Amino acid sequence: METTKKSEAKELGALLLDVGVSLLSSGASCSRIRITMRRFAAAYDYQAHVSIAPKSISLTLNDEADTPLFNGMLSTPAQGVNFKTISGISRLSWDTVENGLSIQEVKDELQKLLNLPHYPRLVILLFVSLAGSAFCFSFGGKPIELLITFGATFCGLFTRQEAVKKKFNPYICVFFGSLVASLFAGAFIKAGLNINFEHAFATSVLFLIPGVPLINSFTDLIDGNILNGLVRGINALMFAMAIAFGLLLAMLIYNLK
């Protein structure tokens, strides 16, 4: 019986580490990761003690008598933002609690969730560009500025995606995206047309703003996850600096003031 319990704890522990790393690599906050992992563990009558580092997760599983049955750690190779994965794992955890899914069933569902296809690249480019145009409109941009912002965002995001494919440093990828987007928008200002393109130039790089890391940094600090909050905050600051350097270089190239 004890051997069976340890075997189950080992299987569950490996699953929970996969869940935690999937959430961490998808941009979930520390509190969400911890709550979700504990919910899964509680569904099988275990207590989960979770320690979250900036790029890894450590887990200890105890039984009802508070006896440690599993210890493990798993690192994440990369981090990004995937709300589909975050919401899907959250729904899966509640489904496990309410319907009593077996560990193997949770494994299968998690694998299906992680293997879901992304949106087509062209769809992402078009809709992110439309969002950039909407920001320009919100700041008072005119129709011609909306078109320029659309084109600048499209080219900037395309450049960033290509840089990611070439496995450049993430900050360099953001720098390239910012530079190309601002060069596209700044070209119309440099052309000397008698139209104000400042709204288009200012909003052409908004698609690069690290909103999720900034929000997670704040929530982690509020929840007491000081190390992770600081790391995510500094990471967001580095992305902001990469955006600023891209804009600055474009302004120097065009001699804009």
C-alpha atoms as a PDB file:
ATOM      1  CA  MET A   1       0.000   0.000   0.000  1.00  0.00           C
ATOM      2  CA  GLU A   2       2.832   2.369   0.914  1.00  0.00           C
ATOM      3  CA  THR A   3       4.663   1.550  -2.314  1.00  0.00           C
ATOM      4  CA  THR A   4       1.512   2.280  -4.323  1.00  0.00           C
ATOM      5  CA  LYS A   5       1.084   5.615  -2.523  1.00  0.00           C
ATOM      6  CA  LYS A   6       4.658   6.636  -3.257  1.00  0.00           C
ATOM      7  CA  SER A   7       4.289   5.618  -6.897  1.00  0.00           C
ATOM      8  CA  GLU A   8       1.110   7.691  -7.198  1.00  0.00           C
ATOM      9  CA  ALA A   9       2.791  10.658  -5.498  1.00  0.00           C
ATOM     10  CA  LYS A  10       5.732  10.437  -7.907  1.00  0.00           C
ATOM     11  CA  GLU A  11       3.414  10.367 -10.921  1.00  0.00           C
ATOM     12  CA  LEU A  12       1.322  13.244  -9.585  1.00  0.00           C
ATOM     13  CA  GLY A  13       4.393  15.253  -8.634  1.00  0.00           C
ATOM     14  CA  ALA A  14       5.826  14.991 -12.155  1.00  0.00           C
ATOM     15  CA  LEU A  15       2.451  16.063 -13.553  1.00  0.00           C
ATOM     16  CA  LEU A  16       2.202  19.045 -11.208  1.00  0.00           C
ATOM     17  CA  LEU A  17       5.685  20.204 -12.160  1.00  0.00           C
ATOM     18  CA  ASP A  18       4.667  20.059 -15.832  1.00  0.00           C
ATOM     19  CA  VAL A  19       1.547  22.083 -14.986  1.00  0.00           C
ATOM     20  CA  GLY A  20       3.550  24.665 -13.038  1.00  0.00           C
ATOM     21  CA  VAL A  21       6.217  25.088 -15.704  1.00  0.00           C
ATOM     22  CA  SER A  22       3.550  25.360 -18.416  1.00  0.00           C
ATOM     23  CA  LEU A  23       1.896  28.179 -16.466  1.00  0.00           C
ATOM     24  CA  LEU A  24       5.215  29.885 -15.728  1.00  0.00           C
ATOM     25  CA  SER A  25       6.302  29.769 -19.369  1.00  0.00           C
ATOM     26  CA  SER A  26       2.895  31.125 -20.432  1.00  0.00           C
ATOM     27  CA  GLY A  27       3.118  34.262 -18.291  1.00  0.00           C
ATOM     28  CA  ALA A  28       1.011  33.322 -15.246  1.00  0.00           C
ATOM     29  CA  SER A  29       1.596  35.112 -11.943  1.00  0.00           C
ATOM     30  CA  CYS A  30       3.161  33.247  -9.009  1.00  0.00           C
ATOM     31  CA  SER A  31      -0.075  33.259  -7.023  1.00  0.00           C
ATOM     32  CA  ARG A  32      -2.023  31.689  -9.899  1.00  0.00           C
ATOM     33  CA  ILE A  33       0.631  29.006 -10.363  1.00  0.00           C
ATOM     34  CA  ARG A  34       0.663  28.166  -6.666  1.00  0.00           C
ATOM     35  CA  ILE A  35      -3.137  28.102  -6.337  1.00  0.00           C
ATOM     36  CA  THR A  36      -3.602  25.934  -9.435  1.00  0.00           C
ATOM     37  CA  MET A  37      -0.959  23.390  -8.386  1.00  0.00           C
ATOM     38  CA  ARG A  38      -2.439  23.144  -4.886  1.00  0.00           C
ATOM     39  CA  ARG A  39      -5.919  22.662  -6.346  1.00  0.00           C
ATOM     40  CA  PHE A  40      -4.706  19.725  -8.417  1.00  0.00           C
ATOM     41  CA  ALA A  41      -2.930  18.221  -5.397  1.00  0.00           C
ATOM     42  CA  ALA A  42      -5.952  18.631  -3.133  1.00  0.00           C
ATOM     43  CA  ALA A  43      -8.093  16.766  -5.671  1.00  0.00           C
ATOM     44  CA  TYR A  44      -5.981  13.673  -4.937  1.00  0.00           C
ATOM     45  CA  ASP A  45      -5.730  14.278  -1.169  1.00  0.00           C
ATOM     46  CA  TYR A  46      -2.175  15.617  -1.173  1.00  0.00           C
ATOM     47  CA  GLN A  47      -0.656  18.812   0.172  1.00  0.00           C
ATOM     48  CA  ALA A  48       1.541  20.722  -2.261  1.00  0.00           C
ATOM     49  CA  HIS A  49       4.362  22.967  -1.054  1.00  0.00           C
ATOM     50  CA  VAL A  50       5.433  25.061  -4.029  1.00  0.00           C
ATOM     51  CA  SER A  51       8.512  27.256  -4.383  1.00  0.00           C
ATOM     52  CA  ILE A  52       8.678  29.410  -7.517  1.00  0.00           C
ATOM     53  CA  ALA A  53      11.925  30.882  -8.849  1.00  0.00           C
ATOM     54  CA  PRO A  54      12.123  33.166 -11.899  1.00  0.00           C
ATOM     55  CA  LYS A  55      12.781  30.210 -14.246  1.00  0.00           C
ATOM     56  CA  SER A  56      12.056  27.072 -12.230  1.00  0.00           C
ATOM     57  CA  ILE A  57       9.565  25.479  -9.858  1.00  0.00           C
ATOM     58  CA  SER A  58      10.242  23.240  -6.856  1.00  0.00           C
ATOM     59  CA  LEU A  59       7.557  20.987  -5.408  1.00  0.00           C
ATOM     60  CA  THR A  60       7.133  18.872  -2.288  1.00  0.00           C
ATOM     61  CA  LEU A  61       4.095  16.593  -2.010  1.00  0.00           C
ATOM     62  CA  ASN A  62       2.902  15.455   1.420  1.00  0.00           C
ATOM     63  CA  ASP A  63       0.146  12.988   2.244  1.00  0.00           C
ATOM     64  CA  GLU A  64      -2.697  13.602   4.715  1.00  0.00           C
ATOM     65  CA  ALA A  65      -0.344  12.746   7.610  1.00  0.00           C
ATOM     66  CA  ASP A  66       2.060  15.459   6.351  1.00  0.00           C
ATOM     67  CA  THR A  67       4.650  12.858   5.336  1.00  0.00           C
ATOM     68  CA  PRO A  68       6.823  13.934   2.364  1.00  0.00           C
ATOM     69  CA  LEU A  69       6.358  11.544  -0.549  1.00  0.00           C
ATOM     70  CA  PHE A  70       7.787  13.519  -3.475  1.00  0.00           C
ATOM     71  CA  ASN A  71      10.433  16.195  -4.027  1.00  0.00           C
ATOM     72  CA  GLY A  72      11.262  17.608  -7.416  1.00  0.00           C
ATOM     73  CA  MET A  73      12.233  20.634  -9.462  1.00  0.00           C
ATOM     74  CA  LEU A  74      11.719  21.562 -13.097  1.00  0.00           C
ATOM     75  CA  SER A  75      13.017  24.497 -15.148  1.00  0.00           C
ATOM     76  CA  THR A  76      11.355  26.293 -18.032  1.00  0.00           C
ATOM     77  CA  PRO A  77      13.346  26.701 -21.268  1.00  0.00           C
ATOM     78  CA  ALA A  78      11.590  29.903 -22.333  1.00  0.00           C
ATOM     79  CA  GLN A  79       8.903  32.331 -21.237  1.00  0.00           C
ATOM     80  CA  GLY A  80       6.215  34.143 -23.154  1.00  0.00           C
ATOM     81  CA  VAL A  81       2.502  34.900 -22.985  1.00  0.00           C
ATOM     82  CA  ASN A  82      -0.204  32.362 -23.809  1.00  0.00           C
ATOM     83  CA  PHE A  83      -3.576  33.075 -22.215  1.00  0.00           C
ATOM     84  CA  LYS A  84      -5.071  30.038 -23.923  1.00  0.00           C
ATOM     85  CA  THR A  85      -2.776  27.756 -21.914  1.00  0.00           C
ATOM     86  CA  ILE A  86      -3.355  29.624 -18.650  1.00  0.00           C
ATOM     87  CA  SER A  87      -7.156  29.571 -18.879  1.00  0.00           C
ATOM     88  CA  GLY A  88      -7.181  25.985 -20.183  1.00  0.00           C
ATOM     89  CA  ILE A  89      -5.133  24.672 -17.253  1.00  0.00           C
ATOM     90  CA  SER A  90      -7.331  26.581 -14.820  1.00  0.00           C
ATOM     91  CA  ARG A  91     -10.463  24.983 -16.305  1.00  0.00           C
ATOM     92  CA  LEU A  92      -8.763  21.583 -16.224  1.00  0.00           C
ATOM     93  CA  SER A  93      -7.981  21.963 -12.512  1.00  0.00           C
ATOM     94  CA  TRP A  94     -11.617  22.714 -11.690  1.00  0.00           C
ATOM     95  CA  ASP A  95     -12.757  19.860 -13.896  1.00  0.00           C
ATOM     96  CA  THR A  96     -10.422  17.552 -11.948  1.00  0.00           C
ATOM     97  CA  VAL A  97     -11.881  18.693  -8.626  1.00  0.00           C
ATOM     98  CA  GLU A  98     -15.506  18.443  -9.724  1.00  0.00           C
ATOM     99  CA  ASN A  99     -15.388  15.286 -11.857  1.00  0.00           C
ATOM    100  CA  GLY A 100     -12.559  13.333 -10.207  1.00  0.00           C
ATOM    101  CA  LEU A 101     -10.362  12.881 -13.281  1.00  0.00           C
ATOM    102  CA  SER A 102      -7.584  10.333 -12.974  1.00  0.00           C
ATOM    103  CA  ILE A 103      -3.946  11.384 -13.185  1.00  0.00           C
ATOM    104  CA  GLN A 104      -3.643   9.806 -16.635  1.00  0.00           C
ATOM    105  CA  GLU A 105      -6.734  11.660 -17.862  1.00  0.00           C
ATOM    106  CA  VAL A 106      -5.260  14.955 -16.638  1.00  0.00           C
ATOM    107  CA  LYS A 107      -1.991  14.120 -18.412  1.00  0.00           C
ATOM    108  CA  ASP A 108      -3.825  13.468 -21.663  1.00  0.00           C
ATOM    109  CA  GLU A 109      -5.888  16.656 -21.401  1.00  0.00           C
ATOM    110  CA  LEU A 110      -2.804  18.718 -20.554  1.00  0.00           C
ATOM    111  CA  GLN A 111      -0.958  17.329 -23.558  1.00  0.00           C
ATOM    112  CA  LYS A 112      -3.904  18.160 -25.832  1.00  0.00           C
ATOM    113  CA  LEU A 113      -3.985  21.661 -24.412  1.00  0.00           C
ATOM    114  CA  LEU A 114      -0.267  22.248 -24.936  1.00  0.00           C
ATOM    115  CA  ASN A 115      -0.475  20.913 -28.495  1.00  0.00           C
ATOM    116  CA  LEU A 116      -3.261  23.284 -29.551  1.00  0.00           C
ATOM    117  CA  PRO A 117      -2.250  25.171 -32.723  1.00  0.00           C
ATOM    118  CA  HIS A 118      -1.504  28.877 -32.627  1.00  0.00           C
ATOM    119  CA  TYR A 119      -3.391  31.395 -34.705  1.00  0.00           C
ATOM    120  CA  PRO A 120      -2.075  31.763 -38.279  1.00  0.00           C
ATOM    121  CA  ARG A 121       0.747  34.268 -38.543  1.00  0.00           C
ATOM    122  CA  LEU A 122      -1.113  36.529 -40.969  1.00  0.00           C
ATOM    123  CA  VAL A 123      -4.115  36.707 -38.632  1.00  0.00           C
ATOM    124  CA  ILE A 124      -1.852  37.763 -35.743  1.00  0.00           C
ATOM    125  CA  LEU A 125      -0.147  40.410 -37.883  1.00  0.00           C
ATOM    126  CA  LEU A 126      -3.429  41.848 -39.125  1.00  0.00           C
ATOM    127  CA  PHE A 127      -5.205  42.005 -35.786  1.00  0.00           C
ATOM    128  CA  VAL A 128      -2.220  43.374 -33.857  1.00  0.00           C
ATOM    129  CA  SER A 129      -1.884  46.035 -36.549  1.00  0.00           C
ATOM    130  CA  LEU A 130      -5.582  46.862 -36.208  1.00  0.00           C
ATOM    131  CA  ALA A 131      -5.079  47.177 -32.456  1.00  0.00           C
ATOM    132  CA  GLY A 132      -2.213  49.589 -33.063  1.00  0.00           C
ATOM    133  CA  SER A 133      -4.455  51.666 -35.333  1.00  0.00           C
ATOM    134  CA  ALA A 134      -7.121  51.673 -32.630  1.00  0.00           C
ATOM    135  CA  PHE A 135      -4.582  53.054 -30.131  1.00  0.00           C
ATOM    136  CA  CYS A 136      -3.680  55.776 -32.626  1.00  0.00           C
ATOM    137  CA  PHE A 137      -7.369  56.644 -33.020  1.00  0.00           C
ATOM    138  CA  SER A 138      -7.766  56.781 -29.233  1.00  0.00           C
ATOM    139  CA  PHE A 139      -4.968  59.356 -29.054  1.00  0.00           C
ATOM    140  CA  GLY A 140      -6.656  61.517 -31.674  1.00  0.00           C
ATOM    141  CA  GLY A 141      -5.057  60.211 -34.849  1.00  0.00           C
ATOM    142  CA  LYS A 142      -6.559  61.007 -38.248  1.00  0.00           C
ATOM    143  CA  PRO A 143      -7.427  58.367 -40.885  1.00  0.00           C
ATOM    144  CA  ILE A 144      -4.090  58.750 -42.668  1.00  0.00           C
ATOM    145  CA  GLU A 145      -2.299  58.265 -39.337  1.00  0.00           C
ATOM    146  CA  LEU A 146      -4.303  55.102 -38.687  1.00  0.00           C
ATOM    147  CA  LEU A 147      -3.073  53.649 -41.987  1.00  0.00           C
ATOM    148  CA  ILE A 148       0.512  54.579 -41.208  1.00  0.00           C
ATOM    149  CA  THR A 149       0.268  53.038 -37.737  1.00  0.00           C
ATOM    150  CA  PHE A 150      -1.214  49.890 -39.265  1.00  0.00           C
ATOM    151  CA  GLY A 151       1.701  49.582 -41.689  1.00  0.00           C
ATOM    152  CA  ALA A 152       4.322  50.410 -39.071  1.00  0.00           C
ATOM    153  CA  THR A 153       2.928  47.867 -36.601  1.00  0.00           C
ATOM    154  CA  PHE A 154       2.687  45.203 -39.314  1.00  0.00           C
ATOM    155  CA  CYS A 155       6.304  45.696 -40.407  1.00  0.00           C
ATOM    156  CA  GLY A 156       7.610  45.997 -36.846  1.00  0.00           C
ATOM    157  CA  LEU A 157       5.871  42.848 -35.637  1.00  0.00           C
ATOM    158  CA  PHE A 158       6.942  40.927 -38.743  1.00  0.00           C
ATOM    159  CA  THR A 159      10.558  41.948 -38.102  1.00  0.00           C
ATOM    160  CA  ARG A 160      10.361  40.917 -34.468  1.00  0.00           C
ATOM    161  CA  GLN A 161       8.909  37.524 -35.407  1.00  0.00           C
ATOM    162  CA  GLU A 162      11.704  36.961 -37.916  1.00  0.00           C
ATOM    163  CA  ALA A 163      14.317  37.906 -35.313  1.00  0.00           C
ATOM    164  CA  VAL A 164      12.761  35.434 -32.858  1.00  0.00           C
ATOM    165  CA  LYS A 165      12.955  32.737 -35.543  1.00  0.00           C
ATOM    166  CA  LYS A 166      16.665  33.492 -35.945  1.00  0.00           C
ATOM    167  CA  LYS A 167      16.994  33.050 -32.145  1.00  0.00           C
ATOM    168  CA  PHE A 168      18.260  36.539 -31.413  1.00  0.00           C
ATOM    169  CA  ASN A 169      18.306  37.786 -27.836  1.00  0.00           C
ATOM    170  CA  PRO A 170      14.709  38.751 -26.813  1.00  0.00           C
ATOM    171  CA  TYR A 171      15.747  42.347 -26.101  1.00  0.00           C
ATOM    172  CA  ILE A 172      17.408  42.609 -29.507  1.00  0.00           C
ATOM    173  CA  CYS A 173      14.223  41.259 -31.117  1.00  0.00           C
ATOM    174  CA  VAL A 174      12.216  44.020 -29.453  1.00  0.00           C
ATOM    175  CA  PHE A 175      14.832  46.592 -30.486  1.00  0.00           C
ATOM    176  CA  PHE A 176      14.605  45.490 -34.131  1.00  0.00           C
ATOM    177  CA  GLY A 177      10.803  45.627 -34.018  1.00  0.00           C
ATOM    178  CA  SER A 178      10.832  49.105 -32.488  1.00  0.00           C
ATOM    179  CA  LEU A 179      13.407  50.375 -34.969  1.00  0.00           C
ATOM    180  CA  VAL A 180      11.583  49.097 -38.067  1.00  0.00           C
ATOM    181  CA  ALA A 181       8.169  50.336 -36.863  1.00  0.00           C
ATOM    182  CA  SER A 182       9.497  53.805 -36.005  1.00  0.00           C
ATOM    183  CA  LEU A 183      11.482  54.008 -39.258  1.00  0.00           C
ATOM    184  CA  PHE A 184       8.285  53.223 -41.200  1.00  0.00           C
ATOM    185  CA  ALA A 185       6.253  55.872 -39.372  1.00  0.00           C
ATOM    186  CA  GLY A 186       9.095  58.400 -39.311  1.00  0.00           C
ATOM    187  CA  ALA A 187       9.556  58.190 -43.074  1.00  0.00           C
ATOM    188  CA  PHE A 188       6.271  60.038 -43.576  1.00  0.00           C
ATOM    189  CA  ILE A 189       7.368  62.771 -41.177  1.00  0.00           C
ATOM    190  CA  LYS A 190      10.741  63.077 -42.923  1.00  0.00           C
ATOM    191  CA  ALA A 191       8.991  63.295 -46.304  1.00  0.00           C
ATOM    192  CA  GLY A 192       7.921  66.805 -45.315  1.00  0.00           C
ATOM    193  CA  LEU A 193       4.234  66.346 -46.012  1.00  0.00           C
ATOM    194  CA  ASN A 194       2.064  69.088 -44.568  1.00  0.00           C
ATOM    195  CA  ILE A 195       0.328  66.654 -42.200  1.00  0.00           C
ATOM    196  CA  ASN A 196       0.920  65.941 -38.514  1.00  0.00           C
ATOM    197  CA  PHE A 197       2.113  62.333 -38.158  1.00  0.00           C
ATOM    198  CA  GLU A 198       3.220  62.529 -34.528  1.00  0.00           C
ATOM    199  CA  HIS A 199       0.370  60.321 -33.277  1.00  0.00           C
ATOM    200  CA  ALA A 200       1.331  57.614 -35.755  1.00  0.00           C
ATOM    201  CA  PHE A 201       4.999  57.816 -34.764  1.00  0.00           C
ATOM    202  CA  ALA A 202       4.233  57.661 -31.034  1.00  0.00           C
ATOM    203  CA  THR A 203       1.799  54.733 -31.264  1.00  0.00           C
ATOM    204  CA  SER A 204       3.696  52.664 -33.844  1.00  0.00           C
ATOM    205  CA  VAL A 205       5.617  50.787 -31.103  1.00  0.00           C
ATOM    206  CA  LEU A 206       2.827  50.235 -28.575  1.00  0.00           C
ATOM    207  CA  PHE A 207       2.486  46.589 -29.632  1.00  0.00           C
ATOM    208  CA  LEU A 208       5.880  45.986 -28.000  1.00  0.00           C
ATOM    209  CA  ILE A 209       4.920  47.303 -24.545  1.00  0.00           C
ATOM    210  CA  PRO A 210       5.528  44.483 -21.970  1.00  0.00           C
ATOM    211  CA  GLY A 211       2.122  44.736 -20.292  1.00  0.00           C
ATOM    212  CA  VAL A 212       1.939  41.203 -18.875  1.00  0.00           C
ATOM    213  CA  PRO A 213       5.402  41.287 -17.204  1.00  0.00           C
ATOM    214  CA  LEU A 214       4.566  44.675 -15.682  1.00  0.00           C
ATOM    215  CA  ILE A 215       1.246  43.461 -14.288  1.00  0.00           C
ATOM    216  CA  ASN A 216       2.783  40.218 -13.007  1.00  0.00           C
ATOM    217  CA  SER A 217       5.619  42.160 -11.423  1.00  0.00           C
ATOM    218  CA  PHE A 218       3.148  44.305  -9.497  1.00  0.00           C
ATOM    219  CA  THR A 219       0.933  41.392  -8.412  1.00  0.00           C
ATOM    220  CA  ASP A 220       3.948  39.297  -7.354  1.00  0.00           C
ATOM    221  CA  LEU A 221       5.277  42.144  -5.216  1.00  0.00           C
ATOM    222  CA  ILE A 222       1.846  42.661  -3.637  1.00  0.00           C
ATOM    223  CA  ASP A 223       1.575  38.920  -2.891  1.00  0.00           C
ATOM    224  CA  GLY A 224       5.013  38.850  -1.251  1.00  0.00           C
ATOM    225  CA  ASN A 225       6.878  37.133  -4.090  1.00  0.00           C
ATOM    226  CA  ILE A 226       9.598  39.777  -3.936  1.00  0.00           C
ATOM    227  CA  LEU A 227      12.305  38.005  -5.969  1.00  0.00           C
ATOM    228  CA  ASN A 228      10.003  37.094  -8.856  1.00  0.00           C
ATOM    229  CA  GLY A 229       8.390  40.536  -8.770  1.00  0.00           C
ATOM    230  CA  LEU A 230      11.759  42.274  -9.004  1.00  0.00           C
ATOM    231  CA  VAL A 231      13.008  39.984 -11.772  1.00  0.00           C
ATOM    232  CA  ARG A 232       9.861  40.487 -13.837  1.00  0.00           C
ATOM    233  CA  GLY A 233       9.932  44.235 -13.219  1.00  0.00           C
ATOM    234  CA  ILE A 234      13.568  44.537 -14.325  1.00  0.00           C
ATOM    235  CA  ASN A 235      12.815  42.323 -17.334  1.00  0.00           C
ATOM    236  CA  ALA A 236       9.958  44.649 -18.329  1.00  0.00           C
ATOM    237  CA  LEU A 237      12.253  47.649 -17.833  1.00  0.00           C
ATOM    238  CA  MET A 238      14.821  46.102 -20.175  1.00  0.00           C
ATOM    239  CA  PHE A 239      12.146  45.625 -22.835  1.00  0.00           C
ATOM    240  CA  ALA A 240      11.063  49.253 -22.377  1.00  0.00           C
ATOM    241  CA  MET A 241      14.670  50.380 -22.836  1.00  0.00           C
ATOM    242  CA  ALA A 242      14.965  48.303 -26.015  1.00  0.00           C
ATOM    243  CA  ILE A 243      11.845  50.047 -27.358  1.00  0.00           C
ATOM    244  CA  ALA A 244      13.252  53.443 -26.402  1.00  0.00           C
ATOM    245  CA  PHE A 245      16.600  52.742 -28.098  1.00  0.00           C
ATOM    246  CA  GLY A 246      14.790  51.711 -31.279  1.00  0.00           C
ATOM    247  CA  LEU A 247      12.820  54.959 -31.291  1.00  0.00           C
ATOM    248  CA  LEU A 248      15.937  56.971 -30.485  1.00  0.00           C
ATOM    249  CA  LEU A 249      17.951  55.454 -33.331  1.00  0.00           C
ATOM    250  CA  ALA A 250      15.112  56.146 -35.796  1.00  0.00           C
ATOM    251  CA  MET A 251      14.967  59.761 -34.627  1.00  0.00           C
ATOM    252  CA  LEU A 252      18.739  60.099 -35.044  1.00  0.00           C
ATOM    253  CA  ILE A 253      18.589  58.585 -38.523  1.00  0.00           C
ATOM    254  CA  TYR A 254      15.824  60.974 -39.605  1.00  0.00           C
ATOM    255  CA  ASN A 255      17.238  63.861 -37.532  1.00  0.00           C
ATOM    256  CA  LEU A 256      13.875  64.305 -35.817  1.00  0.00           C
ATOM    257  CA  LYS A 257      13.483  66.489 -32.728  1.00  0.00           C
END
